[in-house]
């Protein structure tokens, strides 16, 4: 008697979003799949690029200091022009999903878990030593391809913060303004804003060091 062939049972899907899905989902990932199947997290960044899920741990404390201060200051200036600023939001670009360090949007993201990249006026990245190529080369290229009008880069090399603003011209970002710590960074587009980059890092007052 011929033995019946049995199809393998499909991998069980978790009742709630879980990172366990990364172990059994072997099809190309999309932004929507990630939003549907993966849990929300305040931990590592979870992005989707070219069908793969990219998980990145939090960067160093200097990075977090800038990510706390700069979006707050930018938001106060942007609201005067009807724009909205957010740190680390889910930004959908076709099947990909990015989480830029800073996003300036044309409308409020309130109540949403993700926003289409077409709503972004400016995207910003804080350069991390371990992801320098991504922050300096890859992401600007991807944001330019998506038509984002402005790109802001924050570089913390040697703990001397510097800001540089770029404008999209003929499919490429061209420099508009730049400044390093101890001088004033000034931008006029897409809204008026100025800051001394040195003010973005946390520094202890002399003699206030804490022993561990």
C-alpha atoms as a PDB file:
ATOM      1  CA  UNK A   1       0.000   0.000   0.000  1.00  0.00           C
ATOM      2  CA  UNK A   2       1.326   3.410  -0.952  1.00  0.00           C
ATOM      3  CA  UNK A   3       2.130   5.566   2.033  1.00  0.00           C
ATOM      4  CA  UNK A   4       0.257   8.836   2.154  1.00  0.00           C
ATOM      5  CA  UNK A   5       2.354  11.951   1.872  1.00  0.00           C
ATOM      6  CA  UNK A   6       1.812  14.599   4.471  1.00  0.00           C
ATOM      7  CA  UNK A   7       2.557  18.261   3.976  1.00  0.00           C
ATOM      8  CA  UNK A   8       4.579  19.793   6.805  1.00  0.00           C
ATOM      9  CA  UNK A   9       2.530  21.723   9.299  1.00  0.00           C
ATOM     10  CA  UNK A  10       2.923  25.493   9.018  1.00  0.00           C
ATOM     11  CA  UNK A  11       4.885  27.147  11.767  1.00  0.00           C
ATOM     12  CA  UNK A  12       2.609  28.391  14.533  1.00  0.00           C
ATOM     13  CA  UNK A  13       1.977  32.091  14.556  1.00  0.00           C
ATOM     14  CA  UNK A  14       2.039  33.851  17.932  1.00  0.00           C
ATOM     15  CA  UNK A  15      -1.264  35.151  19.245  1.00  0.00           C
ATOM     16  CA  UNK A  16       0.329  38.530  19.893  1.00  0.00           C
ATOM     17  CA  UNK A  17       3.162  40.350  18.117  1.00  0.00           C
ATOM     18  CA  UNK A  18       6.437  38.758  19.163  1.00  0.00           C
ATOM     19  CA  UNK A  19      10.073  38.720  18.075  1.00  0.00           C
ATOM     20  CA  UNK A  20       9.702  34.915  17.946  1.00  0.00           C
ATOM     21  CA  UNK A  21       8.331  35.445  14.447  1.00  0.00           C
ATOM     22  CA  UNK A  22      11.871  36.193  13.275  1.00  0.00           C
ATOM     23  CA  UNK A  23      12.692  32.494  13.799  1.00  0.00           C
ATOM     24  CA  UNK A  24      10.028  31.053  11.523  1.00  0.00           C
ATOM     25  CA  UNK A  25       9.110  33.743   8.986  1.00  0.00           C
ATOM     26  CA  UNK A  26      11.358  33.003   6.009  1.00  0.00           C
ATOM     27  CA  UNK A  27       9.641  35.103   3.337  1.00  0.00           C
ATOM     28  CA  UNK A  28      10.853  38.594   2.407  1.00  0.00           C
ATOM     29  CA  UNK A  29       9.844  41.184   4.975  1.00  0.00           C
ATOM     30  CA  UNK A  30       7.897  44.330   4.208  1.00  0.00           C
ATOM     31  CA  UNK A  31       7.164  47.384   6.308  1.00  0.00           C
ATOM     32  CA  UNK A  32       3.549  46.270   6.746  1.00  0.00           C
ATOM     33  CA  UNK A  33       4.540  42.776   7.862  1.00  0.00           C
ATOM     34  CA  UNK A  34       6.867  44.245  10.459  1.00  0.00           C
ATOM     35  CA  UNK A  35       4.146  46.541  11.757  1.00  0.00           C
ATOM     36  CA  UNK A  36       1.666  43.640  11.900  1.00  0.00           C
ATOM     37  CA  UNK A  37       3.871  40.885  13.328  1.00  0.00           C
ATOM     38  CA  UNK A  38       6.564  42.525  15.449  1.00  0.00           C
ATOM     39  CA  UNK A  39       5.898  44.108  18.852  1.00  0.00           C
ATOM     40  CA  UNK A  40       6.313  47.783  19.577  1.00  0.00           C
ATOM     41  CA  UNK A  41       9.525  48.403  21.476  1.00  0.00           C
ATOM     42  CA  UNK A  42      11.413  51.152  23.241  1.00  0.00           C
ATOM     43  CA  UNK A  43      14.561  49.076  22.862  1.00  0.00           C
ATOM     44  CA  UNK A  44      16.496  48.450  19.646  1.00  0.00           C
ATOM     45  CA  UNK A  45      15.502  49.986  16.327  1.00  0.00           C
ATOM     46  CA  UNK A  46      13.721  47.499  14.057  1.00  0.00           C
ATOM     47  CA  UNK A  47      13.831  48.534  10.410  1.00  0.00           C
ATOM     48  CA  UNK A  48      13.078  46.802   7.099  1.00  0.00           C
ATOM     49  CA  UNK A  49      15.378  47.136   4.111  1.00  0.00           C
ATOM     50  CA  UNK A  50      15.270  45.142   0.869  1.00  0.00           C
ATOM     51  CA  UNK A  51      13.211  42.352   2.414  1.00  0.00           C
ATOM     52  CA  UNK A  52      15.285  41.948   5.585  1.00  0.00           C
ATOM     53  CA  UNK A  53      14.676  43.003   9.169  1.00  0.00           C
ATOM     54  CA  UNK A  54      17.530  45.111  10.552  1.00  0.00           C
ATOM     55  CA  UNK A  55      17.825  45.278  14.352  1.00  0.00           C
ATOM     56  CA  UNK A  56      20.116  47.948  15.773  1.00  0.00           C
ATOM     57  CA  UNK A  57      20.841  48.496  19.502  1.00  0.00           C
ATOM     58  CA  UNK A  58      20.744  51.954  21.017  1.00  0.00           C
ATOM     59  CA  UNK A  59      23.826  54.062  20.377  1.00  0.00           C
ATOM     60  CA  UNK A  60      25.958  55.689  23.065  1.00  0.00           C
ATOM     61  CA  UNK A  61      24.875  58.257  25.631  1.00  0.00           C
ATOM     62  CA  UNK A  62      26.080  61.225  23.560  1.00  0.00           C
ATOM     63  CA  UNK A  63      23.781  60.067  20.769  1.00  0.00           C
ATOM     64  CA  UNK A  64      20.874  59.861  23.193  1.00  0.00           C
ATOM     65  CA  UNK A  65      21.632  63.331  24.583  1.00  0.00           C
ATOM     66  CA  UNK A  66      21.431  64.876  21.119  1.00  0.00           C
ATOM     67  CA  UNK A  67      18.319  62.872  20.309  1.00  0.00           C
ATOM     68  CA  UNK A  68      16.684  64.287  23.443  1.00  0.00           C
ATOM     69  CA  UNK A  69      17.695  67.920  22.961  1.00  0.00           C
ATOM     70  CA  UNK A  70      17.675  68.544  19.211  1.00  0.00           C
ATOM     71  CA  UNK A  71      14.163  67.298  18.307  1.00  0.00           C
ATOM     72  CA  UNK A  72      12.749  69.299  21.223  1.00  0.00           C
ATOM     73  CA  UNK A  73      14.408  72.504  20.052  1.00  0.00           C
ATOM     74  CA  UNK A  74      13.545  71.842  16.405  1.00  0.00           C
ATOM     75  CA  UNK A  75       9.915  71.140  17.264  1.00  0.00           C
ATOM     76  CA  UNK A  76       9.477  74.490  19.009  1.00  0.00           C
ATOM     77  CA  UNK A  77      10.783  76.263  15.897  1.00  0.00           C
ATOM     78  CA  UNK A  78       8.934  74.054  13.406  1.00  0.00           C
ATOM     79  CA  UNK A  79       5.519  74.565  14.980  1.00  0.00           C
ATOM     80  CA  UNK A  80       5.638  78.239  13.989  1.00  0.00           C
ATOM     81  CA  UNK A  81       5.552  77.018  10.387  1.00  0.00           C
ATOM     82  CA  UNK A  82       2.899  74.354  10.997  1.00  0.00           C
ATOM     83  CA  UNK A  83       5.388  71.480  10.944  1.00  0.00           C
ATOM     84  CA  UNK A  84       5.886  68.646  13.442  1.00  0.00           C
ATOM     85  CA  UNK A  85       9.112  67.082  14.708  1.00  0.00           C
ATOM     86  CA  UNK A  86       9.528  63.567  16.124  1.00  0.00           C
ATOM     87  CA  UNK A  87      12.467  61.397  17.192  1.00  0.00           C
ATOM     88  CA  UNK A  88      12.660  57.782  15.967  1.00  0.00           C
ATOM     89  CA  UNK A  89       9.312  57.230  14.233  1.00  0.00           C
ATOM     90  CA  UNK A  90       8.385  54.376  11.896  1.00  0.00           C
ATOM     91  CA  UNK A  91       8.684  55.778   8.378  1.00  0.00           C
ATOM     92  CA  UNK A  92       7.316  53.622   5.554  1.00  0.00           C
ATOM     93  CA  UNK A  93       8.944  53.856   2.119  1.00  0.00           C
ATOM     94  CA  UNK A  94       7.267  51.346  -0.189  1.00  0.00           C
ATOM     95  CA  UNK A  95       8.103  47.931   1.271  1.00  0.00           C
ATOM     96  CA  UNK A  96      10.912  49.348   3.409  1.00  0.00           C
ATOM     97  CA  UNK A  97      10.654  50.929   6.835  1.00  0.00           C
ATOM     98  CA  UNK A  98      13.183  53.375   8.238  1.00  0.00           C
ATOM     99  CA  UNK A  99      13.484  54.827  11.734  1.00  0.00           C
ATOM    100  CA  UNK A 100      15.333  58.123  11.301  1.00  0.00           C
ATOM    101  CA  UNK A 101      16.742  59.779  14.403  1.00  0.00           C
ATOM    102  CA  UNK A 102      14.768  62.941  13.565  1.00  0.00           C
ATOM    103  CA  UNK A 103      11.757  63.478  11.312  1.00  0.00           C
ATOM    104  CA  UNK A 104      10.059  66.762  10.400  1.00  0.00           C
ATOM    105  CA  UNK A 105       6.551  66.122   9.070  1.00  0.00           C
ATOM    106  CA  UNK A 106       3.978  68.205   7.251  1.00  0.00           C
ATOM    107  CA  UNK A 107       1.214  66.962   9.553  1.00  0.00           C
ATOM    108  CA  UNK A 108       0.869  65.530  13.034  1.00  0.00           C
ATOM    109  CA  UNK A 109       1.691  61.876  13.520  1.00  0.00           C
ATOM    110  CA  UNK A 110      -0.649  61.689  16.509  1.00  0.00           C
ATOM    111  CA  UNK A 111      -2.534  58.388  16.813  1.00  0.00           C
ATOM    112  CA  UNK A 112      -0.512  56.613  14.119  1.00  0.00           C
ATOM    113  CA  UNK A 113       2.073  53.853  14.431  1.00  0.00           C
ATOM    114  CA  UNK A 114       3.788  54.694  11.134  1.00  0.00           C
ATOM    115  CA  UNK A 115       3.955  57.518   8.605  1.00  0.00           C
ATOM    116  CA  UNK A 116       4.585  57.478   4.860  1.00  0.00           C
ATOM    117  CA  UNK A 117       7.923  58.986   3.848  1.00  0.00           C
ATOM    118  CA  UNK A 118       6.060  61.346   1.510  1.00  0.00           C
ATOM    119  CA  UNK A 119       4.994  63.341   4.575  1.00  0.00           C
ATOM    120  CA  UNK A 120       8.597  64.064   5.574  1.00  0.00           C
ATOM    121  CA  UNK A 121       9.986  67.533   4.935  1.00  0.00           C
ATOM    122  CA  UNK A 122      13.330  66.845   6.619  1.00  0.00           C
ATOM    123  CA  UNK A 123      14.986  63.716   7.962  1.00  0.00           C
ATOM    124  CA  UNK A 124      17.987  63.706  10.255  1.00  0.00           C
ATOM    125  CA  UNK A 125      20.573  61.180  11.355  1.00  0.00           C
ATOM    126  CA  UNK A 126      22.966  61.361  14.309  1.00  0.00           C
ATOM    127  CA  UNK A 127      26.143  59.669  13.145  1.00  0.00           C
ATOM    128  CA  UNK A 128      27.120  56.684  15.300  1.00  0.00           C
ATOM    129  CA  UNK A 129      30.690  55.304  15.179  1.00  0.00           C
ATOM    130  CA  UNK A 130      29.407  51.783  14.509  1.00  0.00           C
ATOM    131  CA  UNK A 131      27.023  52.879  11.749  1.00  0.00           C
ATOM    132  CA  UNK A 132      28.983  55.658  10.099  1.00  0.00           C
ATOM    133  CA  UNK A 133      28.525  54.408   6.534  1.00  0.00           C
ATOM    134  CA  UNK A 134      24.778  54.026   7.049  1.00  0.00           C
ATOM    135  CA  UNK A 135      24.311  57.498   8.526  1.00  0.00           C
ATOM    136  CA  UNK A 136      26.672  59.347   6.171  1.00  0.00           C
ATOM    137  CA  UNK A 137      26.190  57.515   2.860  1.00  0.00           C
ATOM    138  CA  UNK A 138      23.352  54.981   2.778  1.00  0.00           C
ATOM    139  CA  UNK A 139      20.499  56.808   4.478  1.00  0.00           C
ATOM    140  CA  UNK A 140      20.996  60.139   2.700  1.00  0.00           C
ATOM    141  CA  UNK A 141      21.006  58.270  -0.608  1.00  0.00           C
ATOM    142  CA  UNK A 142      17.810  56.393   0.304  1.00  0.00           C
ATOM    143  CA  UNK A 143      16.068  59.523   1.554  1.00  0.00           C
ATOM    144  CA  UNK A 144      17.084  61.418  -1.591  1.00  0.00           C
ATOM    145  CA  UNK A 145      15.702  58.619  -3.770  1.00  0.00           C
ATOM    146  CA  UNK A 146      12.394  58.952  -1.882  1.00  0.00           C
ATOM    147  CA  UNK A 147      12.305  62.701  -2.591  1.00  0.00           C
ATOM    148  CA  UNK A 148      12.715  64.015   0.968  1.00  0.00           C
ATOM    149  CA  UNK A 149      13.486  67.753   0.474  1.00  0.00           C
ATOM    150  CA  UNK A 150      16.030  68.212   3.309  1.00  0.00           C
ATOM    151  CA  UNK A 151      18.541  66.101   5.198  1.00  0.00           C
ATOM    152  CA  UNK A 152      20.194  67.014   8.505  1.00  0.00           C
ATOM    153  CA  UNK A 153      23.332  65.275   9.741  1.00  0.00           C
ATOM    154  CA  UNK A 154      24.710  65.508  13.275  1.00  0.00           C
ATOM    155  CA  UNK A 155      28.284  64.325  13.668  1.00  0.00           C
ATOM    156  CA  UNK A 156      29.716  63.680  17.136  1.00  0.00           C
ATOM    157  CA  UNK A 157      33.255  62.704  16.169  1.00  0.00           C
ATOM    158  CA  UNK A 158      35.702  63.298  19.035  1.00  0.00           C
ATOM    159  CA  UNK A 159      32.780  64.689  21.071  1.00  0.00           C
ATOM    160  CA  UNK A 160      32.808  67.899  19.012  1.00  0.00           C
ATOM    161  CA  UNK A 161      29.239  68.046  17.693  1.00  0.00           C
ATOM    162  CA  UNK A 162      28.673  69.486  14.234  1.00  0.00           C
ATOM    163  CA  UNK A 163      25.469  70.007  12.251  1.00  0.00           C
ATOM    164  CA  UNK A 164      25.115  70.088   8.477  1.00  0.00           C
ATOM    165  CA  UNK A 165      21.945  70.762   6.472  1.00  0.00           C
ATOM    166  CA  UNK A 166      21.470  69.569   2.883  1.00  0.00           C
ATOM    167  CA  UNK A 167      18.828  70.363   0.271  1.00  0.00           C
ATOM    168  CA  UNK A 168      17.642  67.965  -2.427  1.00  0.00           C
ATOM    169  CA  UNK A 169      18.662  69.311  -5.847  1.00  0.00           C
ATOM    170  CA  UNK A 170      18.383  67.196  -9.009  1.00  0.00           C
ATOM    171  CA  UNK A 171      18.112  64.009  -6.978  1.00  0.00           C
ATOM    172  CA  UNK A 172      21.135  64.681  -4.756  1.00  0.00           C
ATOM    173  CA  UNK A 173      21.661  66.487  -1.473  1.00  0.00           C
ATOM    174  CA  UNK A 174      23.640  69.720  -1.749  1.00  0.00           C
ATOM    175  CA  UNK A 175      25.026  71.486   1.364  1.00  0.00           C
ATOM    176  CA  UNK A 176      23.134  74.538   2.637  1.00  0.00           C
ATOM    177  CA  UNK A 177      24.703  75.315   6.004  1.00  0.00           C
ATOM    178  CA  UNK A 178      27.015  73.793   8.588  1.00  0.00           C
ATOM    179  CA  UNK A 179      28.580  74.647  11.955  1.00  0.00           C
ATOM    180  CA  UNK A 180      30.581  72.965  14.700  1.00  0.00           C
ATOM    181  CA  UNK A 181      30.552  73.373  18.491  1.00  0.00           C
ATOM    182  CA  UNK A 182      31.404  76.865  19.632  1.00  0.00           C
ATOM    183  CA  UNK A 183      29.755  78.519  16.627  1.00  0.00           C
ATOM    184  CA  UNK A 184      26.110  78.978  15.640  1.00  0.00           C
ATOM    185  CA  UNK A 185      24.360  76.651  13.224  1.00  0.00           C
ATOM    186  CA  UNK A 186      21.724  78.638  11.321  1.00  0.00           C
ATOM    187  CA  UNK A 187      19.143  77.338   8.879  1.00  0.00           C
ATOM    188  CA  UNK A 188      16.407  79.218   7.041  1.00  0.00           C
ATOM    189  CA  UNK A 189      14.769  76.272   5.315  1.00  0.00           C
ATOM    190  CA  UNK A 190      12.429  74.522   5.825  1.00  0.00           C
ATOM    191  CA  UNK A 191      12.026  76.848   8.846  1.00  0.00           C
ATOM    192  CA  UNK A 192      14.167  79.278  10.823  1.00  0.00           C
ATOM    193  CA  UNK A 193      16.321  77.622  13.468  1.00  0.00           C
ATOM    194  CA  UNK A 194      19.643  78.242  15.159  1.00  0.00           C
ATOM    195  CA  UNK A 195      21.701  76.506  17.856  1.00  0.00           C
ATOM    196  CA  UNK A 196      25.257  76.145  19.079  1.00  0.00           C
ATOM    197  CA  UNK A 197      25.921  72.407  18.542  1.00  0.00           C
ATOM    198  CA  UNK A 198      27.872  72.370  21.811  1.00  0.00           C
ATOM    199  CA  UNK A 199      24.580  72.841  23.687  1.00  0.00           C
ATOM    200  CA  UNK A 200      23.341  69.438  22.502  1.00  0.00           C
ATOM    201  CA  UNK A 201      25.750  67.349  24.601  1.00  0.00           C
ATOM    202  CA  UNK A 202      25.530  66.730  28.333  1.00  0.00           C
ATOM    203  CA  UNK A 203      28.565  68.013  30.193  1.00  0.00           C
ATOM    204  CA  UNK A 204      29.168  67.876  33.938  1.00  0.00           C
ATOM    205  CA  UNK A 205      30.057  71.083  35.741  1.00  0.00           C
ATOM    206  CA  UNK A 206      33.710  71.208  36.905  1.00  0.00           C
ATOM    207  CA  UNK A 207      34.194  69.194  40.083  1.00  0.00           C
ATOM    208  CA  UNK A 208      30.821  67.420  39.803  1.00  0.00           C
ATOM    209  CA  UNK A 209      32.177  64.051  38.690  1.00  0.00           C
ATOM    210  CA  UNK A 210      30.449  61.041  40.213  1.00  0.00           C
ATOM    211  CA  UNK A 211      32.403  57.962  41.187  1.00  0.00           C
ATOM    212  CA  UNK A 212      30.928  54.558  40.430  1.00  0.00           C
END
